[in-house]
């Protein structure tokens, strides 16, 4: 679990709208969590090498393929895969305000690198659960 207060999480959730969902899928948590967030007014952008359409949006194959940098990057990838996403996250312009690693996903080194660039990082928490709990 990360170190952020409920107030800090509530504030960062209120400051973002567009969410790049890395590891998006047409089923499971990587589908229903962003679907819930979309119903709450967020704009999820599916990022998956498979492409296709999810939540009514055409998927991009990588963060580099995004036309516009998102406010936040939400990671549905295994913890050991997270460091591989750090360079592409840091290449976004402007940098995202938030990088969220879903429940069960954490990587201290990646979090430290992202936080060093001023990005708010949440680890090992479900964005849907936290949104419901704090709203």
C-alpha atoms as a PDB file:
ATOM      1  CA  UNK A   1       0.000   0.000   0.000  1.00  0.00           C
ATOM      2  CA  UNK A   2       1.301   3.469  -0.761  1.00  0.00           C
ATOM      3  CA  UNK A   3       1.787   6.364   1.611  1.00  0.00           C
ATOM      4  CA  UNK A   4      -0.874   8.827   0.439  1.00  0.00           C
ATOM      5  CA  UNK A   5      -3.645  10.200   2.643  1.00  0.00           C
ATOM      6  CA  UNK A   6      -7.292   9.862   1.680  1.00  0.00           C
ATOM      7  CA  UNK A   7      -7.407  13.635   1.139  1.00  0.00           C
ATOM      8  CA  UNK A   8      -4.442  13.551  -1.252  1.00  0.00           C
ATOM      9  CA  UNK A   9      -6.011  10.697  -3.244  1.00  0.00           C
ATOM     10  CA  UNK A  10      -9.362  12.477  -3.376  1.00  0.00           C
ATOM     11  CA  UNK A  11      -7.687  15.640  -4.656  1.00  0.00           C
ATOM     12  CA  UNK A  12      -5.683  13.872  -7.362  1.00  0.00           C
ATOM     13  CA  UNK A  13      -8.764  11.912  -8.503  1.00  0.00           C
ATOM     14  CA  UNK A  14     -10.594  15.215  -8.824  1.00  0.00           C
ATOM     15  CA  UNK A  15      -7.818  16.761 -10.902  1.00  0.00           C
ATOM     16  CA  UNK A  16      -7.676  14.187 -13.714  1.00  0.00           C
ATOM     17  CA  UNK A  17     -10.104  13.250 -16.482  1.00  0.00           C
ATOM     18  CA  UNK A  18      -8.318  11.402 -19.303  1.00  0.00           C
ATOM     19  CA  UNK A  19      -6.950   8.004 -18.244  1.00  0.00           C
ATOM     20  CA  UNK A  20      -4.615   5.900 -20.388  1.00  0.00           C
ATOM     21  CA  UNK A  21      -5.465   2.325 -19.361  1.00  0.00           C
ATOM     22  CA  UNK A  22      -2.309   0.269 -19.994  1.00  0.00           C
ATOM     23  CA  UNK A  23      -3.198  -3.412 -20.223  1.00  0.00           C
ATOM     24  CA  UNK A  24      -6.837  -2.718 -21.139  1.00  0.00           C
ATOM     25  CA  UNK A  25      -8.908  -5.812 -21.895  1.00  0.00           C
ATOM     26  CA  UNK A  26     -12.442  -6.678 -22.926  1.00  0.00           C
ATOM     27  CA  UNK A  27     -12.980  -8.616 -19.679  1.00  0.00           C
ATOM     28  CA  UNK A  28     -11.925  -8.786 -16.034  1.00  0.00           C
ATOM     29  CA  UNK A  29     -10.776  -5.900 -13.825  1.00  0.00           C
ATOM     30  CA  UNK A  30      -8.946  -4.210 -16.732  1.00  0.00           C
ATOM     31  CA  UNK A  31     -12.403  -3.858 -18.315  1.00  0.00           C
ATOM     32  CA  UNK A  32     -14.864  -3.217 -15.497  1.00  0.00           C
ATOM     33  CA  UNK A  33     -12.739  -0.804 -13.436  1.00  0.00           C
ATOM     34  CA  UNK A  34     -12.292   1.657 -16.354  1.00  0.00           C
ATOM     35  CA  UNK A  35     -15.927   1.095 -17.361  1.00  0.00           C
ATOM     36  CA  UNK A  36     -16.985   2.180 -13.850  1.00  0.00           C
ATOM     37  CA  UNK A  37     -14.663   5.194 -14.043  1.00  0.00           C
ATOM     38  CA  UNK A  38     -16.126   6.152 -17.430  1.00  0.00           C
ATOM     39  CA  UNK A  39     -19.603   6.197 -15.858  1.00  0.00           C
ATOM     40  CA  UNK A  40     -18.212   8.568 -13.213  1.00  0.00           C
ATOM     41  CA  UNK A  41     -17.109  11.082 -15.872  1.00  0.00           C
ATOM     42  CA  UNK A  42     -13.556   9.955 -16.562  1.00  0.00           C
ATOM     43  CA  UNK A  43     -12.379   9.368 -20.142  1.00  0.00           C
ATOM     44  CA  UNK A  44     -10.557   6.006 -20.349  1.00  0.00           C
ATOM     45  CA  UNK A  45      -8.290   5.446 -23.340  1.00  0.00           C
ATOM     46  CA  UNK A  46      -7.508   1.754 -23.933  1.00  0.00           C
ATOM     47  CA  UNK A  47      -3.818   0.959 -24.439  1.00  0.00           C
ATOM     48  CA  UNK A  48      -3.207  -2.613 -25.577  1.00  0.00           C
ATOM     49  CA  UNK A  49      -0.967  -4.177 -28.227  1.00  0.00           C
ATOM     50  CA  UNK A  50      -4.031  -6.055 -29.512  1.00  0.00           C
ATOM     51  CA  UNK A  51      -5.810  -2.856 -30.584  1.00  0.00           C
ATOM     52  CA  UNK A  52      -9.566  -3.004 -31.099  1.00  0.00           C
ATOM     53  CA  UNK A  53     -12.352  -1.077 -29.429  1.00  0.00           C
ATOM     54  CA  UNK A  54     -13.091  -0.985 -25.696  1.00  0.00           C
ATOM     55  CA  UNK A  55     -15.554   1.327 -23.869  1.00  0.00           C
ATOM     56  CA  UNK A  56     -16.519   2.820 -27.234  1.00  0.00           C
ATOM     57  CA  UNK A  57     -12.960   4.035 -27.873  1.00  0.00           C
ATOM     58  CA  UNK A  58     -10.405   2.763 -30.356  1.00  0.00           C
ATOM     59  CA  UNK A  59      -7.413   1.279 -28.538  1.00  0.00           C
ATOM     60  CA  UNK A  60      -3.895   2.502 -29.166  1.00  0.00           C
ATOM     61  CA  UNK A  61      -1.053   0.000 -29.127  1.00  0.00           C
ATOM     62  CA  UNK A  62       1.271   1.992 -26.842  1.00  0.00           C
ATOM     63  CA  UNK A  63       1.477   5.220 -24.867  1.00  0.00           C
ATOM     64  CA  UNK A  64       3.677   6.577 -27.674  1.00  0.00           C
ATOM     65  CA  UNK A  65       0.705   6.165 -30.045  1.00  0.00           C
ATOM     66  CA  UNK A  66      -1.527   8.553 -28.099  1.00  0.00           C
ATOM     67  CA  UNK A  67      -2.485  11.717 -29.979  1.00  0.00           C
ATOM     68  CA  UNK A  68      -2.602  13.683 -26.722  1.00  0.00           C
ATOM     69  CA  UNK A  69      -0.936  12.984 -23.384  1.00  0.00           C
ATOM     70  CA  UNK A  70      -3.417  11.748 -20.739  1.00  0.00           C
ATOM     71  CA  UNK A  71      -3.933  13.291 -17.308  1.00  0.00           C
ATOM     72  CA  UNK A  72      -3.229   9.892 -15.743  1.00  0.00           C
ATOM     73  CA  UNK A  73      -1.797   6.484 -16.602  1.00  0.00           C
ATOM     74  CA  UNK A  74      -3.510   3.488 -14.975  1.00  0.00           C
ATOM     75  CA  UNK A  75      -1.447   0.296 -15.040  1.00  0.00           C
ATOM     76  CA  UNK A  76      -3.038  -3.157 -15.263  1.00  0.00           C
ATOM     77  CA  UNK A  77       0.278  -4.985 -15.711  1.00  0.00           C
ATOM     78  CA  UNK A  78       2.291  -7.322 -13.507  1.00  0.00           C
ATOM     79  CA  UNK A  79       4.609  -5.617 -11.039  1.00  0.00           C
ATOM     80  CA  UNK A  80       7.698  -6.874 -12.852  1.00  0.00           C
ATOM     81  CA  UNK A  81       6.502  -5.268 -16.121  1.00  0.00           C
ATOM     82  CA  UNK A  82       6.119  -1.794 -14.603  1.00  0.00           C
ATOM     83  CA  UNK A  83       9.751  -0.613 -15.056  1.00  0.00           C
ATOM     84  CA  UNK A  84       9.380  -1.159 -18.807  1.00  0.00           C
ATOM     85  CA  UNK A  85       6.636   1.476 -18.904  1.00  0.00           C
ATOM     86  CA  UNK A  86       8.589   4.185 -17.065  1.00  0.00           C
ATOM     87  CA  UNK A  87      10.465   5.499 -20.149  1.00  0.00           C
ATOM     88  CA  UNK A  88       7.277   5.778 -22.220  1.00  0.00           C
ATOM     89  CA  UNK A  89       5.453   7.483 -19.341  1.00  0.00           C
ATOM     90  CA  UNK A  90       8.304   9.961 -18.927  1.00  0.00           C
ATOM     91  CA  UNK A  91       8.289  10.603 -22.699  1.00  0.00           C
ATOM     92  CA  UNK A  92       4.699  11.914 -22.547  1.00  0.00           C
ATOM     93  CA  UNK A  93       4.397  15.683 -23.000  1.00  0.00           C
ATOM     94  CA  UNK A  94       3.098  17.003 -20.755  1.00  0.00           C
ATOM     95  CA  UNK A  95       3.828  14.420 -18.086  1.00  0.00           C
ATOM     96  CA  UNK A  96       0.761  12.819 -16.492  1.00  0.00           C
ATOM     97  CA  UNK A  97      -0.282  14.144 -13.091  1.00  0.00           C
ATOM     98  CA  UNK A  98      -0.919  10.610 -11.847  1.00  0.00           C
ATOM     99  CA  UNK A  99       0.325   7.063 -12.366  1.00  0.00           C
ATOM    100  CA  UNK A 100      -1.926   4.501 -10.685  1.00  0.00           C
ATOM    101  CA  UNK A 101      -0.848   0.884 -10.183  1.00  0.00           C
ATOM    102  CA  UNK A 102      -3.905  -1.267  -9.545  1.00  0.00           C
ATOM    103  CA  UNK A 103      -4.424  -3.614  -6.580  1.00  0.00           C
ATOM    104  CA  UNK A 104      -1.605  -6.132  -6.315  1.00  0.00           C
ATOM    105  CA  UNK A 105       0.727  -4.064  -8.505  1.00  0.00           C
ATOM    106  CA  UNK A 106       3.668  -2.213  -7.039  1.00  0.00           C
ATOM    107  CA  UNK A 107       7.229  -1.394  -7.970  1.00  0.00           C
ATOM    108  CA  UNK A 108       9.205   0.850  -5.631  1.00  0.00           C
ATOM    109  CA  UNK A 109      11.958   1.655  -8.127  1.00  0.00           C
ATOM    110  CA  UNK A 110       9.499   2.693 -10.848  1.00  0.00           C
ATOM    111  CA  UNK A 111       7.483   4.731  -8.340  1.00  0.00           C
ATOM    112  CA  UNK A 112      10.630   6.516  -7.174  1.00  0.00           C
ATOM    113  CA  UNK A 113      11.637   7.390 -10.760  1.00  0.00           C
ATOM    114  CA  UNK A 114       8.164   8.741 -11.557  1.00  0.00           C
ATOM    115  CA  UNK A 115       7.851  10.680  -8.294  1.00  0.00           C
ATOM    116  CA  UNK A 116      11.277  12.253  -8.927  1.00  0.00           C
ATOM    117  CA  UNK A 117       9.682  13.867 -11.988  1.00  0.00           C
ATOM    118  CA  UNK A 118       6.776  15.256  -9.948  1.00  0.00           C
ATOM    119  CA  UNK A 119       4.232  12.567 -10.810  1.00  0.00           C
ATOM    120  CA  UNK A 120       1.792  11.470  -8.071  1.00  0.00           C
ATOM    121  CA  UNK A 121       2.097   7.672  -7.835  1.00  0.00           C
ATOM    122  CA  UNK A 122      -0.406   5.305  -6.216  1.00  0.00           C
ATOM    123  CA  UNK A 123       0.499   1.628  -5.795  1.00  0.00           C
ATOM    124  CA  UNK A 124      -1.454  -1.482  -4.817  1.00  0.00           C
ATOM    125  CA  UNK A 125      -4.885   0.161  -4.723  1.00  0.00           C
ATOM    126  CA  UNK A 126      -7.934  -0.322  -6.922  1.00  0.00           C
ATOM    127  CA  UNK A 127      -8.949   2.990  -8.466  1.00  0.00           C
ATOM    128  CA  UNK A 128     -12.621   1.951  -8.530  1.00  0.00           C
ATOM    129  CA  UNK A 129     -12.641   0.886  -4.872  1.00  0.00           C
ATOM    130  CA  UNK A 130     -10.883   4.082  -3.800  1.00  0.00           C
ATOM    131  CA  UNK A 131     -13.213   6.262  -5.884  1.00  0.00           C
ATOM    132  CA  UNK A 132     -16.293   4.594  -4.371  1.00  0.00           C
ATOM    133  CA  UNK A 133     -14.865   4.779  -0.855  1.00  0.00           C
ATOM    134  CA  UNK A 134     -13.872   8.442  -1.047  1.00  0.00           C
ATOM    135  CA  UNK A 135     -16.818   9.814  -3.068  1.00  0.00           C
END
